[in-house]
Amino acid sequence: MKHGYTNSTFGDGALVVKCYQGPEAAFRLTTESRYLRRLRGRLPVPRVHQVTETSLTTRYVDGLHGQDLLDEGRAEEVFAECGRMLARIHRLGIVHGDYGPQNMLFDPATYETAAILDWEWAHPGRPVEDLAWVEWIVRSHHPEHVALLPRFFAAYGDPVPAWPDRHAAMVARCRALLDFCARWEPGGDGEKLWRTRLDATTAWTE
């Protein structure tokens, strides 16, 4: 995660090729390809085109990136759709592992989900992991929209875990990503970045 990413992705307008980097790259590739095939027809996910030992190729999906829509003043629509879609994911017994507007494409006319991307961290787990990570993404990268997080939680529908549980999940995820970076490039920029983020997250109060 030398620049905050665990993969390199490029496309030509028809196909998208994702090459995995860092520790457990082969495992994360296998995880993503398995979940994309399993979820095809059940959730809006890209169609798998080809899998090699180091890369996953999917069909290109047209849509607007969630983070761009936040910047364009569509936070309420994005958060509501994020909540509704996450509820569908969790009803299947799945934790996405990196869920949020940063990994979603939206229909520009309806703001419905065109595709949920980046399933390399998916696993069976507790819903609070994804719920807390959406909150972490917003608090860290879109602090101007923190006041709209109740829109996301309301659209999700189930009771929202208490702040101590959400905060603990955020801290745990930051620790895991710090460990990932430390194993990938000890003392490198990624480790320094996530150490700073961990410290900031640990200090948050509701």
Protein backbone atom coordinates (compact mmCIF):
# COMPACT_ATOMS: atom_id res chain seq x y z
CA MET A 1 0.00 0.00 0.00
CA LYS A 2 2.84 2.34 -0.90
CA HIS A 3 0.39 4.98 -2.13
CA GLY A 4 -2.66 3.85 -0.22
CA TYR A 5 -3.65 1.14 -2.69
CA THR A 6 -3.31 -2.64 -2.66
CA ASN A 7 -3.63 -3.03 -6.42
CA SER A 8 -3.12 -1.30 -9.75
CA THR A 9 -6.11 -1.00 -12.05
CA PHE A 10 -6.37 0.08 -15.66
CA GLY A 11 -9.03 -0.19 -18.36
CA ASP A 12 -9.75 0.54 -22.00
CA GLY A 13 -13.47 1.29 -21.86
CA ALA A 14 -14.43 -2.33 -22.47
CA LEU A 15 -12.41 -4.27 -19.90
CA VAL A 16 -10.79 -3.45 -16.56
CA VAL A 17 -7.62 -5.26 -15.45
CA LYS A 18 -6.73 -5.36 -11.75
CA CYS A 19 -3.27 -6.52 -10.63
CA TYR A 20 -2.82 -7.33 -6.95
CA GLN A 21 0.12 -6.18 -4.86
CA GLY A 22 1.50 -6.67 -1.37
CA PRO A 23 1.10 -9.52 1.13
CA GLU A 24 -1.42 -12.26 0.34
CA ALA A 25 -1.90 -10.89 -3.20
CA ALA A 26 -2.85 -14.31 -4.60
CA PHE A 27 -5.35 -14.89 -1.79
CA ARG A 28 -7.01 -11.50 -2.35
CA LEU A 29 -7.22 -12.15 -6.09
CA THR A 30 -8.88 -15.50 -5.46
CA THR A 31 -11.24 -13.92 -2.92
CA GLU A 32 -12.39 -11.21 -5.29
CA SER A 33 -12.88 -13.48 -8.29
CA ARG A 34 -14.83 -15.96 -6.15
CA TYR A 35 -17.16 -13.34 -4.70
CA LEU A 36 -17.76 -11.66 -8.05
CA ARG A 37 -18.82 -14.97 -9.58
CA ARG A 38 -20.90 -15.92 -6.55
CA LEU A 39 -22.72 -12.60 -6.45
CA ARG A 40 -23.36 -12.14 -10.16
CA GLY A 41 -27.12 -11.82 -10.62
CA ARG A 42 -27.65 -11.22 -6.89
CA LEU A 43 -25.91 -7.86 -6.55
CA PRO A 44 -24.68 -5.29 -9.08
CA VAL A 45 -21.08 -6.40 -9.54
CA PRO A 46 -18.77 -6.42 -12.59
CA ARG A 47 -18.80 -9.55 -14.73
CA VAL A 48 -15.58 -11.59 -14.57
CA HIS A 49 -13.87 -11.88 -17.96
CA GLN A 50 -10.55 -13.57 -17.18
CA VAL A 51 -8.44 -14.62 -14.20
CA THR A 52 -4.68 -15.21 -14.25
CA GLU A 53 -2.20 -15.92 -11.47
CA THR A 54 -1.65 -12.19 -10.89
CA SER A 55 -4.65 -10.35 -12.35
CA LEU A 56 -8.42 -10.22 -12.60
CA THR A 57 -10.11 -8.83 -15.70
CA THR A 58 -13.74 -7.73 -15.55
CA ARG A 59 -16.16 -6.11 -17.94
CA TYR A 60 -16.20 -2.32 -17.78
CA VAL A 61 -19.23 -0.83 -15.98
CA ASP A 62 -20.34 2.65 -16.88
CA GLY A 63 -21.28 4.92 -13.98
CA LEU A 64 -20.33 7.86 -11.82
CA HIS A 65 -17.90 7.29 -8.96
CA GLY A 66 -19.39 7.76 -5.52
CA GLN A 67 -16.68 10.11 -4.31
CA ASP A 68 -17.18 12.34 -7.35
CA LEU A 69 -20.90 12.55 -6.58
CA LEU A 70 -20.13 13.58 -3.01
CA ASP A 71 -18.01 16.41 -4.38
CA GLU A 72 -20.87 17.38 -6.71
CA GLY A 73 -23.33 17.86 -3.85
CA ARG A 74 -25.15 14.52 -4.06
CA ALA A 75 -24.20 13.24 -0.62
CA GLU A 76 -27.76 12.51 0.50
CA GLU A 77 -28.50 10.36 -2.55
CA VAL A 78 -25.14 8.56 -2.27
CA PHE A 79 -25.46 7.84 1.45
CA ALA A 80 -29.02 6.58 1.11
CA GLU A 81 -28.08 4.22 -1.71
CA CYS A 82 -24.97 3.06 0.17
CA GLY A 83 -27.17 2.15 3.13
CA ARG A 84 -29.75 0.28 1.08
CA MET A 85 -27.13 -1.67 -0.83
CA LEU A 86 -25.13 -2.57 2.26
CA ALA A 87 -28.25 -4.04 3.83
CA ARG A 88 -28.58 -6.30 0.78
CA ILE A 89 -24.95 -7.40 1.09
CA HIS A 90 -25.32 -8.21 4.77
CA ARG A 91 -28.50 -10.21 4.19
CA LEU A 92 -26.31 -12.56 2.17
CA GLY A 93 -24.04 -13.05 5.20
CA ILE A 94 -21.12 -11.17 3.64
CA VAL A 95 -18.86 -8.39 4.86
CA HIS A 96 -17.41 -6.42 1.93
CA GLY A 97 -14.33 -5.31 3.86
CA ASP A 98 -13.78 -1.95 2.09
CA TYR A 99 -17.31 -0.73 1.57
CA GLY A 100 -18.22 2.88 0.92
CA PRO A 101 -18.78 5.46 -1.81
CA GLN A 102 -15.12 5.08 -2.82
CA ASN A 103 -15.92 1.60 -4.17
CA MET A 104 -19.28 2.22 -5.82
CA LEU A 105 -20.43 3.35 -9.25
CA PHE A 106 -23.82 5.04 -9.64
CA ASP A 107 -26.32 5.54 -12.44
CA PRO A 108 -26.09 9.26 -13.28
CA ALA A 109 -29.86 9.57 -13.81
CA THR A 110 -31.26 7.62 -10.85
CA TYR A 111 -28.29 7.44 -8.43
CA GLU A 112 -28.94 3.74 -8.09
CA THR A 113 -25.94 1.43 -7.81
CA ALA A 114 -24.37 0.48 -11.12
CA ALA A 115 -21.61 -1.62 -9.54
CA ILE A 116 -20.02 -2.44 -6.19
CA LEU A 117 -16.26 -2.72 -6.72
CA ASP A 118 -13.20 -4.14 -4.95
CA TRP A 119 -14.22 -7.35 -3.21
CA GLU A 120 -10.67 -8.47 -2.38
CA TRP A 121 -11.25 -8.08 1.38
CA ALA A 122 -14.69 -9.75 1.44
CA HIS A 123 -15.35 -12.37 4.12
CA PRO A 124 -18.01 -13.67 6.50
CA GLY A 125 -18.07 -11.34 9.47
CA ARG A 126 -19.94 -8.82 11.60
CA PRO A 127 -21.99 -6.08 9.90
CA VAL A 128 -20.43 -3.45 12.18
CA GLU A 129 -17.20 -3.85 10.22
CA ASP A 130 -18.72 -2.35 7.07
CA LEU A 131 -20.94 0.12 8.90
CA ALA A 132 -17.98 1.48 10.82
CA TRP A 133 -15.79 1.64 7.72
CA VAL A 134 -18.29 3.78 5.83
CA GLU A 135 -18.27 6.14 8.79
CA TRP A 136 -14.46 6.09 8.83
CA ILE A 137 -14.30 6.94 5.11
CA VAL A 138 -16.66 9.88 5.58
CA ARG A 139 -14.95 11.18 8.73
CA SER A 140 -11.50 10.86 7.16
CA HIS A 141 -12.07 11.94 3.57
CA HIS A 142 -15.38 13.82 3.54
CA PRO A 143 -15.68 15.49 6.96
CA GLU A 144 -18.00 18.12 5.54
CA HIS A 145 -20.63 15.37 5.16
CA VAL A 146 -20.41 13.79 8.64
CA ALA A 147 -23.73 15.39 9.61
CA LEU A 148 -25.41 13.37 6.84
CA LEU A 149 -24.27 9.96 8.14
CA PRO A 150 -27.69 9.40 9.79
CA ARG A 151 -29.07 9.27 6.22
CA PHE A 152 -26.81 6.27 5.56
CA PHE A 153 -27.70 4.53 8.80
CA ALA A 154 -31.44 5.14 8.31
CA ALA A 155 -31.34 3.67 4.80
CA TYR A 156 -29.46 0.63 6.11
CA GLY A 157 -32.45 -0.01 8.34
CA ASP A 158 -31.20 -2.23 11.14
CA PRO A 159 -30.31 -0.82 14.56
CA VAL A 160 -27.03 1.07 14.39
CA PRO A 161 -24.26 -0.37 16.59
CA ALA A 162 -23.33 1.91 19.47
CA TRP A 163 -20.43 4.32 19.09
CA PRO A 164 -17.99 2.22 21.20
CA ASP A 165 -18.57 -0.76 18.89
CA ARG A 166 -18.24 1.33 15.73
CA HIS A 167 -15.14 3.07 17.03
CA ALA A 168 -13.53 -0.21 18.05
CA ALA A 169 -14.17 -1.61 14.56
CA MET A 170 -12.57 1.46 12.94
CA VAL A 171 -9.50 1.17 15.15
CA ALA A 172 -9.22 -2.56 14.47
CA ARG A 173 -9.34 -2.02 10.71
CA CYS A 174 -6.72 0.71 10.86
CA ARG A 175 -4.48 -1.60 12.91
CA ALA A 176 -4.93 -4.36 10.33
CA LEU A 177 -3.98 -2.05 7.47
CA LEU A 178 -1.00 -0.75 9.42
CA ASP A 179 0.16 -4.33 9.90
CA PHE A 180 -0.38 -5.03 6.19
CA CYS A 181 1.81 -2.07 5.22
CA ALA A 182 4.47 -2.92 7.79
CA ARG A 183 4.78 -6.41 6.32
CA TRP A 184 4.82 -5.08 2.76
CA GLU A 185 7.36 -2.29 3.17
CA PRO A 186 8.65 -1.95 6.75
CA GLY A 187 9.17 1.70 7.63
CA GLY A 188 7.76 2.82 4.29
CA ASP A 189 5.29 5.55 3.40
CA GLY A 190 2.30 3.22 3.71
CA GLU A 191 3.21 2.24 7.24
CA LYS A 192 3.73 5.88 8.21
CA LEU A 193 0.41 6.87 6.64
CA TRP A 194 -1.58 4.23 8.49
CA ARG A 195 0.19 4.89 11.78
CA THR A 196 -0.93 8.52 11.49
CA ARG A 197 -4.45 7.44 10.57
CA LEU A 198 -4.58 4.98 13.45
CA ASP A 199 -3.55 7.67 15.91
CA ALA A 200 -6.16 10.07 14.56
CA THR A 201 -8.89 7.42 14.61
CA THR A 202 -8.07 6.32 18.14
CA ALA A 203 -8.50 9.90 19.32
CA TRP A 204 -11.97 10.35 17.81
CA THR A 205 -14.99 10.89 20.03
CA GLU A 206 -18.58 10.58 18.93
